[in-house]
C-alpha cells in the first residue's frame, strides 16, 4: 500500500491524499487551496483524475471538497463516498464557491481589461453546472459506523469526527496476504465539548494514523469561558448604542452564535435588538442542521423536542436578498449583524464593516481565526485605518477577539485521539503549518512512545 499527498501537507488547505491499494486508486478528499496558496488550484493535480476509482470525502469544508467539480471536469468517473449530511452540506458549499468564483472573475476581468491585459484574469475553476454534474458522482452515502466494501479486501467506516455537520474520520481496513491493517485518515477533528453537534467519537484501535495538526501547538480556552466572554462582549457593546458586527463563518460558527443568542434571549440576558443573519449560505446551512437531528447534541435536541427552533426566535431576521442586506446599513443602533466571510476578505461583511467600523459606539466581535493577509487580521492586529473597496476607513469601533470557538481539535484533543487509539505503530502528520507540526511532533514523542513523521508534498509513504 502506498499513500501520496498532493495537498493538505506543508500547509492547511488543499487536502488531497492518494491511496494505492488492492489495484485501486482511492482519493481521500479533494480540497481547494486557499489564501496565499490559491494559485495552486490552477496547477495539475499530480495524478490523472481518470485513474481514480473512489473519492472518500471526510467533510464538506471547501479546503477538503472544493476541487471535486474540477476533478470531474478533468475526467473522474469513479464513485464519491461520504456521509449523508456531508453530501447535503457539500452541495450548498460547492454551489456557493462557484458563485463566488464567478463574481470574483467579473471584477478581476474588468480590472485586467482596464490595464489592457484581460488575459491576466484567471477564469473560474468551475461553474454551477459543473457542481451539479459532480454531485451525480456521490454514489455511496453512509451513516456513521456503517461498513462499506470497496473490494473484497478493503472496507471503510466513517466515525464521527465532531468537527462540523457530517464530518467523519475514515477507518480503512485492508487485507493483504494474511495480514489485516487498519489505517485512519482523520480529516479534520473536533473537540469533546460541542455547542451544536455531537462531540467526537474517539477510535478504539488502528495500526496507522494520518492525523491533522492545525492546532498542534496550542490549546483552546475552555468553551464555557469563551461563551461567557462572548456574552459579556454583546452586553457591553449595546451600552453606548451602535451596532454589533460579527464576521461569521457560514457553517458551524453561525449556528453556534445563533444558539448562544437564543439561550441569552430565553434567559432575559440579551439586550433588546434586531439580529440579522446576512448570509444566504449560512441561512441554507442553518436549515440543513434541522434535517439531521441525529447529529445534534443533547441541549439543541431539547429545543427540538419542545417544538422550538434552537436557531430562530422573534428577534432574528434572515436576509437573503442583496436589497434586504443593503437596508441593514440604514440601521444606526440596536442591530447584531452576522455576515460572511468569516475573515472579512469578501462577501457582505465588508459592506457592514464599511458602515460601522468608523463609529466609536459600534463593535466588531471576531469569533474565528483570522489568517495573515486578510482584512480581519489587519483589524485584529490593531490597524488604525483599513481599505475597504478602495476607500480608507478609520477603525474606531470597539474590537473584541474571542478565540475559543474553534471547530478544530487543539493540542490536548489531538494527543487524546492518538492515546485513545490502541495498537498504533505509525503516526503521520498532515494538514498543518510546518512550524506547528514540528511542535506537535515533539509533543507526541514526549507523551507517547511514537515518533511521528511529517509528510511532505508528493512523498511516497509505504505501508
Protein backbone atom coordinates (compact mmCIF):
# COMPACT_ATOMS: atom_id res chain seq x y z
CA UNK A 1 0.00 0.00 0.00
CA UNK A 2 1.25 3.47 -0.95
CA UNK A 3 -0.01 6.85 0.24
CA UNK A 4 0.94 10.04 -1.57
CA UNK A 5 -0.26 13.52 -0.58
CA UNK A 6 -0.98 16.23 -3.14
CA UNK A 7 -2.29 18.85 -0.71
CA UNK A 8 -3.03 19.32 2.95
CA UNK A 9 0.66 18.86 3.79
CA UNK A 10 3.17 21.63 4.48
CA UNK A 11 0.04 23.80 4.84
CA UNK A 12 -3.59 23.74 5.93
CA UNK A 13 -5.54 23.85 2.66
CA UNK A 14 -5.98 21.72 -0.44
CA UNK A 15 -6.32 18.39 1.39
CA UNK A 16 -5.83 15.57 -1.11
CA UNK A 17 -4.31 12.15 -0.32
CA UNK A 18 -3.99 9.27 -2.79
CA UNK A 19 -4.05 5.68 -1.51
CA UNK A 20 -2.95 2.91 -3.86
CA UNK A 21 -4.09 -0.48 -2.60
CA UNK A 22 -5.56 -3.73 -3.98
CA UNK A 23 -5.27 -2.48 -7.60
CA UNK A 24 -7.36 0.59 -6.70
CA UNK A 25 -6.67 4.30 -6.56
CA UNK A 26 -8.53 5.86 -3.64
CA UNK A 27 -8.54 9.59 -3.05
CA UNK A 28 -9.13 10.93 0.45
CA UNK A 29 -10.57 14.46 0.00
CA UNK A 30 -10.05 16.85 -2.89
CA UNK A 31 -9.89 20.30 -1.37
CA UNK A 32 -9.29 23.77 -2.68
CA UNK A 33 -6.13 25.69 -1.87
CA UNK A 34 -6.96 28.96 -0.15
CA UNK A 35 -5.29 32.19 0.90
CA UNK A 36 -1.66 32.54 -0.17
CA UNK A 37 -1.79 29.09 -1.83
CA UNK A 38 -4.80 29.67 -4.08
CA UNK A 39 -2.74 29.78 -7.30
CA UNK A 40 -2.06 26.05 -6.80
CA UNK A 41 -5.68 25.37 -7.79
CA UNK A 42 -4.70 26.05 -11.40
CA UNK A 43 -1.83 23.56 -11.33
CA UNK A 44 -2.25 19.90 -12.38
CA UNK A 45 -3.48 17.53 -9.67
CA UNK A 46 -0.30 15.48 -9.84
CA UNK A 47 -2.24 12.36 -10.86
CA UNK A 48 -4.72 11.50 -13.59
CA UNK A 49 -8.32 12.05 -12.36
CA UNK A 50 -9.44 9.35 -14.81
CA UNK A 51 -7.46 6.78 -12.81
CA UNK A 52 -9.26 7.41 -9.50
CA UNK A 53 -11.71 4.65 -8.55
CA UNK A 54 -13.09 6.16 -5.34
CA UNK A 55 -13.08 9.57 -3.69
CA UNK A 56 -13.76 9.42 0.04
CA UNK A 57 -14.84 12.80 1.41
CA UNK A 58 -14.28 13.34 5.14
CA UNK A 59 -16.32 16.56 5.34
CA UNK A 60 -17.57 19.50 3.31
CA UNK A 61 -15.30 22.39 4.17
CA UNK A 62 -14.02 23.90 0.93
CA UNK A 63 -10.38 23.09 1.74
CA UNK A 64 -11.42 19.41 1.68
CA UNK A 65 -14.09 19.30 -1.05
CA UNK A 66 -13.58 22.44 -3.15
CA UNK A 67 -11.88 20.88 -6.19
CA UNK A 68 -14.32 17.98 -6.65
CA UNK A 69 -16.10 19.63 -9.62
CA UNK A 70 -12.69 20.29 -11.18
CA UNK A 71 -11.76 16.64 -10.65
CA UNK A 72 -14.91 15.60 -12.54
CA UNK A 73 -14.26 18.17 -15.30
CA UNK A 74 -10.86 16.58 -15.82
CA UNK A 75 -12.16 13.05 -16.17
CA UNK A 76 -13.02 11.49 -12.80
CA UNK A 77 -15.73 8.87 -13.28
CA UNK A 78 -15.45 6.86 -10.09
CA UNK A 79 -17.67 6.87 -7.01
CA UNK A 80 -17.70 9.54 -4.32
CA UNK A 81 -18.37 8.25 -0.80
CA UNK A 82 -19.45 10.45 2.09
CA UNK A 83 -21.90 10.63 4.96
CA UNK A 84 -25.42 11.72 4.05
CA UNK A 85 -25.00 15.01 5.88
CA UNK A 86 -21.69 15.72 4.13
CA UNK A 87 -23.39 15.24 0.76
CA UNK A 88 -26.05 17.81 1.69
CA UNK A 89 -23.51 20.30 3.03
CA UNK A 90 -21.12 19.82 0.09
CA UNK A 91 -23.89 20.71 -2.34
CA UNK A 92 -24.52 24.16 -0.84
CA UNK A 93 -20.82 24.81 -0.20
CA UNK A 94 -19.78 24.00 -3.77
CA UNK A 95 -22.63 25.98 -5.32
CA UNK A 96 -21.63 28.95 -3.19
CA UNK A 97 -17.97 28.52 -4.20
CA UNK A 98 -18.92 28.54 -7.89
CA UNK A 99 -20.94 31.73 -7.37
CA UNK A 100 -18.09 33.45 -5.52
CA UNK A 101 -15.57 32.49 -8.22
CA UNK A 102 -17.86 33.82 -10.95
CA UNK A 103 -18.28 37.15 -9.14
CA UNK A 104 -14.55 37.46 -8.49
CA UNK A 105 -13.79 36.76 -12.13
CA UNK A 106 -16.12 39.54 -13.29
CA UNK A 107 -14.39 42.04 -11.02
CA UNK A 108 -10.88 40.86 -11.89
CA UNK A 109 -11.65 40.79 -15.61
CA UNK A 110 -12.80 44.42 -15.57
CA UNK A 111 -9.63 45.43 -13.72
CA UNK A 112 -7.44 43.46 -16.14
CA UNK A 113 -9.30 44.99 -19.08
CA UNK A 114 -8.55 48.49 -17.80
CA UNK A 115 -4.88 47.51 -17.52
CA UNK A 116 -5.01 46.34 -21.13
CA UNK A 117 -4.22 42.77 -20.07
CA UNK A 118 -7.52 40.81 -20.00
CA UNK A 119 -5.61 37.52 -20.20
CA UNK A 120 -4.36 38.07 -16.64
CA UNK A 121 -7.83 37.46 -15.20
CA UNK A 122 -7.96 33.77 -14.28
CA UNK A 123 -11.30 32.13 -15.17
CA UNK A 124 -13.29 30.27 -12.51
CA UNK A 125 -12.22 26.70 -11.85
CA UNK A 126 -15.81 25.59 -12.49
CA UNK A 127 -19.39 26.86 -12.66
CA UNK A 128 -22.77 25.83 -11.25
CA UNK A 129 -23.39 23.27 -13.99
CA UNK A 130 -20.08 21.60 -13.11
CA UNK A 131 -21.19 21.40 -9.48
CA UNK A 132 -24.50 19.76 -10.40
CA UNK A 133 -22.63 17.24 -12.55
CA UNK A 134 -20.15 16.50 -9.77
CA UNK A 135 -22.96 15.83 -7.29
CA UNK A 136 -24.12 12.98 -9.54
CA UNK A 137 -20.97 11.05 -8.59
CA UNK A 138 -21.89 10.89 -4.88
CA UNK A 139 -22.92 7.26 -5.30
CA UNK A 140 -22.46 5.95 -1.73
CA UNK A 141 -23.93 7.83 1.24
CA UNK A 142 -23.29 6.29 4.64
CA UNK A 143 -24.24 6.78 8.25
CA UNK A 144 -21.60 6.78 10.99
CA UNK A 145 -20.31 3.29 11.86
CA UNK A 146 -21.76 1.76 8.67
CA UNK A 147 -19.33 -0.53 6.85
CA UNK A 148 -18.85 -0.38 3.10
CA UNK A 149 -16.65 -2.67 1.00
CA UNK A 150 -14.58 -1.07 -1.74
CA UNK A 151 -13.35 -4.50 -2.77
CA UNK A 152 -13.05 -7.99 -1.32
CA UNK A 153 -10.02 -6.89 0.70
CA UNK A 154 -10.78 -3.26 1.50
CA UNK A 155 -13.60 -1.71 3.53
CA UNK A 156 -14.24 1.70 5.08
CA UNK A 157 -16.18 3.11 8.01
CA UNK A 158 -16.87 6.73 8.91
CA UNK A 159 -16.67 7.58 12.61
CA UNK A 160 -17.99 10.87 13.99
CA UNK A 161 -15.14 13.40 13.85
CA UNK A 162 -17.06 16.02 15.85
CA UNK A 163 -15.80 18.81 13.56
CA UNK A 164 -18.79 20.02 11.53
CA UNK A 165 -22.13 18.58 10.48
CA UNK A 166 -21.48 15.25 8.76
CA UNK A 167 -17.74 15.18 9.35
CA UNK A 168 -16.18 11.76 9.72
CA UNK A 169 -12.72 10.33 10.07
CA UNK A 170 -12.11 7.33 7.84
CA UNK A 171 -11.14 3.88 9.06
CA UNK A 172 -9.73 1.96 6.11
CA UNK A 173 -9.32 -1.77 6.80
CA UNK A 174 -7.09 -3.61 4.34
CA UNK A 175 -6.34 -7.31 4.00
CA UNK A 176 -3.06 -8.06 2.25
CA UNK A 177 -1.99 -11.70 2.07
CA UNK A 178 -2.63 -12.95 5.60
CA UNK A 179 -2.27 -9.54 7.24
CA UNK A 180 -5.02 -7.09 8.15
CA UNK A 181 -4.22 -3.42 8.75
CA UNK A 182 -6.40 -0.55 9.84
CA UNK A 183 -5.44 2.93 8.66
CA UNK A 184 -7.19 6.05 9.93
CA UNK A 185 -7.37 9.30 7.97
CA UNK A 186 -8.55 11.93 10.41
CA UNK A 187 -9.86 14.60 8.05
CA UNK A 188 -10.41 17.48 10.47
CA UNK A 189 -11.15 16.62 14.09
CA UNK A 190 -13.33 18.40 16.63
CA UNK A 191 -13.36 18.65 20.40
CA UNK A 192 -15.12 17.00 23.32
CA UNK A 193 -17.38 19.96 24.11
CA UNK A 194 -19.53 20.97 21.16
CA UNK A 195 -22.31 23.53 21.26
CA UNK A 196 -24.44 22.24 18.40
CA UNK A 197 -23.28 18.87 17.05
CA UNK A 198 -22.37 15.73 18.94
CA UNK A 199 -18.76 15.57 20.14
CA UNK A 200 -16.08 13.40 18.59
CA UNK A 201 -16.15 9.59 18.92
CA UNK A 202 -12.60 8.53 19.66
CA UNK A 203 -11.19 5.46 17.87
CA UNK A 204 -10.51 2.18 19.63
CA UNK A 205 -7.58 0.91 17.64
CA UNK A 206 -5.59 1.23 14.41
CA UNK A 207 -2.19 0.34 13.02
CA UNK A 208 -1.54 3.60 11.16
CA UNK A 209 -2.84 7.12 11.72
CA UNK A 210 -2.72 10.12 9.38
CA UNK A 211 -3.74 12.98 11.66
CA UNK A 212 -4.36 16.68 11.10
CA UNK A 213 -2.30 19.07 13.20
CA UNK A 214 -3.83 22.50 12.57
CA UNK A 215 -3.66 23.49 16.24
CA UNK A 216 -0.96 21.05 17.29
CA UNK A 217 0.97 23.80 19.07
CA UNK A 218 -1.73 25.24 21.35
CA UNK A 219 -4.80 24.63 23.47
CA UNK A 220 -8.10 26.46 23.22
CA UNK A 221 -9.79 28.34 26.01
CA UNK A 222 -12.48 26.31 27.82
CA UNK A 223 -15.80 26.58 25.96
CA UNK A 224 -17.81 27.82 28.96
CA UNK A 225 -15.26 30.60 29.49
CA UNK A 226 -15.45 31.51 25.79
CA UNK A 227 -19.25 31.69 25.88
CA UNK A 228 -19.18 33.99 28.91
CA UNK A 229 -16.62 36.20 27.16
CA UNK A 230 -18.88 36.42 24.12
CA UNK A 231 -21.97 37.23 26.18
CA UNK A 232 -20.08 39.99 28.01
CA UNK A 233 -18.95 41.46 24.69
CA UNK A 234 -22.55 41.54 23.41
CA UNK A 235 -23.90 43.20 26.58
CA UNK A 236 -21.07 45.76 26.75
CA UNK A 237 -21.45 46.59 23.08
CA UNK A 238 -25.01 47.85 23.48
CA UNK A 239 -24.31 50.14 26.44
CA UNK A 240 -23.41 53.10 24.21
CA UNK A 241 -25.76 52.33 21.34
CA UNK A 242 -24.41 51.47 17.94
CA UNK A 243 -24.39 48.10 16.22
CA UNK A 244 -22.53 44.85 16.72
CA UNK A 245 -20.89 43.34 13.64
CA UNK A 246 -19.85 39.68 13.81
CA UNK A 247 -17.84 38.26 10.87
CA UNK A 248 -19.23 34.75 10.74
CA UNK A 249 -18.26 31.53 9.02
CA UNK A 250 -21.44 30.13 7.46
CA UNK A 251 -21.04 26.57 8.61
CA UNK A 252 -20.95 25.70 12.33
CA UNK A 253 -19.91 29.12 13.67
CA UNK A 254 -23.09 30.88 12.54
CA UNK A 255 -25.24 28.18 14.15
CA UNK A 256 -23.22 28.26 17.37
CA UNK A 257 -23.59 32.03 17.70
CA UNK A 258 -27.33 31.86 16.96
CA UNK A 259 -27.75 29.17 19.62
CA UNK A 260 -25.91 31.25 22.24
CA UNK A 261 -28.05 34.28 21.37
CA UNK A 262 -31.16 32.09 21.57
CA UNK A 263 -30.26 31.00 25.10
CA UNK A 264 -29.45 34.59 26.09
CA UNK A 265 -32.88 35.60 24.79
CA UNK A 266 -34.61 32.83 26.72
CA UNK A 267 -32.74 33.79 29.91
CA UNK A 268 -33.52 37.51 29.50
CA UNK A 269 -29.78 38.26 29.16
CA UNK A 270 -29.92 39.67 25.63
CA UNK A 271 -30.42 43.43 25.27
CA UNK A 272 -33.34 44.44 23.03
CA UNK A 273 -32.05 44.24 19.47
CA UNK A 274 -32.57 43.04 15.93
CA UNK A 275 -30.39 40.15 14.78
CA UNK A 276 -29.58 39.76 11.11
CA UNK A 277 -28.11 36.60 9.62
CA UNK A 278 -26.98 38.25 6.40
CA UNK A 279 -25.58 35.29 4.51
CA UNK A 280 -27.50 33.11 2.04
CA UNK A 281 -25.00 30.29 2.62
CA UNK A 282 -25.33 30.48 6.41
CA UNK A 283 -29.12 30.55 6.09
CA UNK A 284 -29.07 27.41 3.94
CA UNK A 285 -26.65 25.71 6.33
CA UNK A 286 -28.80 26.58 9.36
CA UNK A 287 -31.81 24.95 7.72
CA UNK A 288 -29.72 21.85 6.98
CA UNK A 289 -28.87 21.33 10.64
CA UNK A 290 -32.55 20.72 11.40
CA UNK A 291 -32.65 17.94 8.79
CA UNK A 292 -30.09 15.87 10.71
CA UNK A 293 -31.29 15.81 14.34
CA UNK A 294 -29.37 12.57 14.98
CA UNK A 295 -26.14 14.59 14.70
CA UNK A 296 -27.12 17.35 17.13
CA UNK A 297 -26.12 17.43 20.78
CA UNK A 298 -28.48 16.98 23.72
CA UNK A 299 -29.10 20.62 24.55
CA UNK A 300 -30.03 21.51 20.97
CA UNK A 301 -32.25 18.44 20.75
CA UNK A 302 -34.16 19.58 23.85
CA UNK A 303 -35.30 22.63 21.93
CA UNK A 304 -36.48 20.47 19.04
CA UNK A 305 -38.34 18.15 21.39
CA UNK A 306 -40.19 21.17 22.79
CA UNK A 307 -41.12 22.18 19.24
CA UNK A 308 -38.77 25.17 19.30
CA UNK A 309 -36.18 26.17 16.73
CA UNK A 310 -32.79 26.37 18.51
CA UNK A 311 -31.51 28.94 16.00
CA UNK A 312 -34.52 31.17 15.40
CA UNK A 313 -36.50 33.40 17.77
CA UNK A 314 -38.58 36.60 17.36
CA UNK A 315 -35.61 38.98 17.06
CA UNK A 316 -33.84 37.01 14.32
CA UNK A 317 -34.09 38.03 10.67
CA UNK A 318 -32.76 36.03 7.72
CA UNK A 319 -31.71 38.38 4.91
CA UNK A 320 -31.13 36.51 1.67
CA UNK A 321 -31.54 39.23 -0.96
CA UNK A 322 -28.98 41.93 -1.74
CA UNK A 323 -31.70 44.56 -1.30
CA UNK A 324 -32.52 43.33 2.24
CA UNK A 325 -28.81 43.32 3.05
CA UNK A 326 -28.41 46.94 1.94
CA UNK A 327 -31.32 48.07 4.13
CA UNK A 328 -29.43 46.90 7.22
CA UNK A 329 -26.97 49.73 6.60
CA UNK A 330 -29.74 52.24 7.39
CA UNK A 331 -29.83 50.98 10.99
CA UNK A 332 -27.59 53.09 13.23
CA UNK A 333 -28.06 51.23 16.54
CA UNK A 334 -29.53 48.13 18.14
CA UNK A 335 -28.51 45.59 15.49
CA UNK A 336 -26.40 42.44 15.65
CA UNK A 337 -25.17 41.82 12.11
CA UNK A 338 -23.78 38.37 11.33
CA UNK A 339 -22.32 38.10 7.84
CA UNK A 340 -19.60 36.39 5.86
CA UNK A 341 -16.91 35.92 5.06
CA UNK A 342 -15.53 34.98 8.44
CA UNK A 343 -12.12 36.54 7.71
CA UNK A 344 -13.62 39.66 6.07
CA UNK A 345 -11.83 39.03 2.77
CA UNK A 346 -15.05 39.07 0.74
CA UNK A 347 -18.81 38.90 0.92
CA UNK A 348 -21.37 41.10 2.64
CA UNK A 349 -19.35 41.61 5.82
CA UNK A 350 -17.17 44.18 4.04
CA UNK A 351 -20.18 46.43 3.43
CA UNK A 352 -21.22 46.24 7.08
CA UNK A 353 -17.69 47.00 8.25
CA UNK A 354 -17.57 49.97 5.88
CA UNK A 355 -20.71 51.38 7.54
CA UNK A 356 -19.84 50.58 11.16
CA UNK A 357 -16.07 50.30 11.63
CA UNK A 358 -15.51 54.07 11.83
CA UNK A 359 -18.20 54.59 14.50
CA UNK A 360 -16.97 54.74 18.12
CA UNK A 361 -20.23 53.39 19.55
CA UNK A 362 -20.23 50.27 17.39
CA UNK A 363 -18.38 47.00 17.99
CA UNK A 364 -16.85 44.21 15.94
CA UNK A 365 -16.67 40.79 17.56
CA UNK A 366 -14.30 38.30 15.93
CA UNK A 367 -15.24 34.70 16.75
CA UNK A 368 -12.93 32.87 14.36
CA UNK A 369 -9.33 32.62 13.23
CA UNK A 370 -8.10 35.50 11.05
CA UNK A 371 -5.42 34.37 8.59
CA UNK A 372 -2.45 36.52 7.63
CA UNK A 373 -3.16 38.86 4.76
CA UNK A 374 -6.92 39.14 5.41
CA UNK A 375 -8.85 42.29 6.29
CA UNK A 376 -9.91 40.62 9.54
CA UNK A 377 -6.29 40.04 10.54
CA UNK A 378 -5.44 43.71 9.89
CA UNK A 379 -8.22 44.82 12.24
CA UNK A 380 -7.35 42.27 14.93
CA UNK A 381 -3.68 43.33 14.76
CA UNK A 382 -4.67 46.90 15.60
CA UNK A 383 -4.75 48.74 12.27
CA UNK A 384 -5.97 52.33 12.72
CA UNK A 385 -7.12 52.61 9.11
CA UNK A 386 -8.06 49.87 6.61
CA UNK A 387 -9.02 49.91 2.96
CA UNK A 388 -12.47 48.57 2.05
CA UNK A 389 -13.43 48.65 -1.62
CA UNK A 390 -10.64 51.13 -2.25
CA UNK A 391 -11.82 53.56 0.44
CA UNK A 392 -9.89 54.30 3.62
CA UNK A 393 -11.99 53.55 6.70
CA UNK A 394 -10.91 54.50 10.22
CA UNK A 395 -11.03 51.75 12.85
CA UNK A 396 -12.76 53.40 15.80
CA UNK A 397 -15.24 50.69 16.78
CA UNK A 398 -14.51 48.52 19.80
CA UNK A 399 -12.78 45.33 18.69
CA UNK A 400 -13.29 42.05 20.53
CA UNK A 401 -11.35 38.90 19.69
CA UNK A 402 -12.77 35.68 21.13
CA UNK A 403 -10.64 32.66 20.31
CA UNK A 404 -12.30 29.66 21.96
CA UNK A 405 -14.88 28.74 19.32
CA UNK A 406 -12.60 26.75 17.04
CA UNK A 407 -14.15 23.67 15.44
CA UNK A 408 -10.66 22.13 15.26
CA UNK A 409 -9.16 19.90 17.91
CA UNK A 410 -6.43 21.59 19.92
CA UNK A 411 -3.16 20.02 21.02
CA UNK A 412 -4.61 18.20 24.03
CA UNK A 413 -7.51 16.80 21.98
CA UNK A 414 -5.16 15.60 19.24
CA UNK A 415 -2.94 13.91 21.82
CA UNK A 416 -6.04 12.28 23.32
CA UNK A 417 -7.02 11.00 19.86
CA UNK A 418 -3.61 9.36 19.49
CA UNK A 419 -3.51 7.94 23.01
CA UNK A 420 -7.02 6.51 22.70
CA UNK A 421 -6.07 4.63 19.54
CA UNK A 422 -4.60 1.35 20.73
CA UNK A 423 -2.01 -0.69 18.81
CA UNK A 424 -0.66 2.29 16.85
CA UNK A 425 2.57 1.55 15.06
CA UNK A 426 2.93 4.69 12.90
CA UNK A 427 1.68 8.27 13.04
CA UNK A 428 1.88 10.66 10.07
CA UNK A 429 1.25 14.37 10.48
CA UNK A 430 -0.72 16.20 7.80
CA UNK A 431 -2.77 19.41 7.45
CA UNK A 432 -0.71 21.89 9.46
CA UNK A 433 1.81 24.67 9.13
CA UNK A 434 5.41 23.32 9.18
CA UNK A 435 6.41 25.08 12.42
CA UNK A 436 3.22 23.91 14.13
CA UNK A 437 3.78 20.33 13.00
CA UNK A 438 7.28 20.37 14.44
CA UNK A 439 5.97 21.46 17.85
CA UNK A 440 3.26 18.81 17.71
CA UNK A 441 5.72 16.11 16.67
CA UNK A 442 7.85 16.81 19.75
CA UNK A 443 4.75 16.79 21.96
CA UNK A 444 3.66 13.39 20.61
CA UNK A 445 7.15 11.99 21.22
CA UNK A 446 7.04 13.36 24.76
CA UNK A 447 3.58 11.94 25.52
CA UNK A 448 3.87 8.55 23.76
CA UNK A 449 6.47 6.09 22.54
CA UNK A 450 5.73 7.07 18.94
CA UNK A 451 7.90 9.12 16.59
CA UNK A 452 5.57 10.85 14.12
CA UNK A 453 6.61 11.53 10.55
CA UNK A 454 5.79 14.90 8.98
CA UNK A 455 4.53 14.12 5.48
CA UNK A 456 5.99 16.07 2.57
CA UNK A 457 4.23 17.04 -0.65
CA UNK A 458 4.11 14.12 -3.13
CA UNK A 459 6.26 11.97 -0.84
CA UNK A 460 5.73 8.20 -1.20
CA UNK A 461 4.66 6.66 2.11
CA UNK A 462 4.87 2.88 2.01
CA UNK A 463 2.68 0.96 4.46
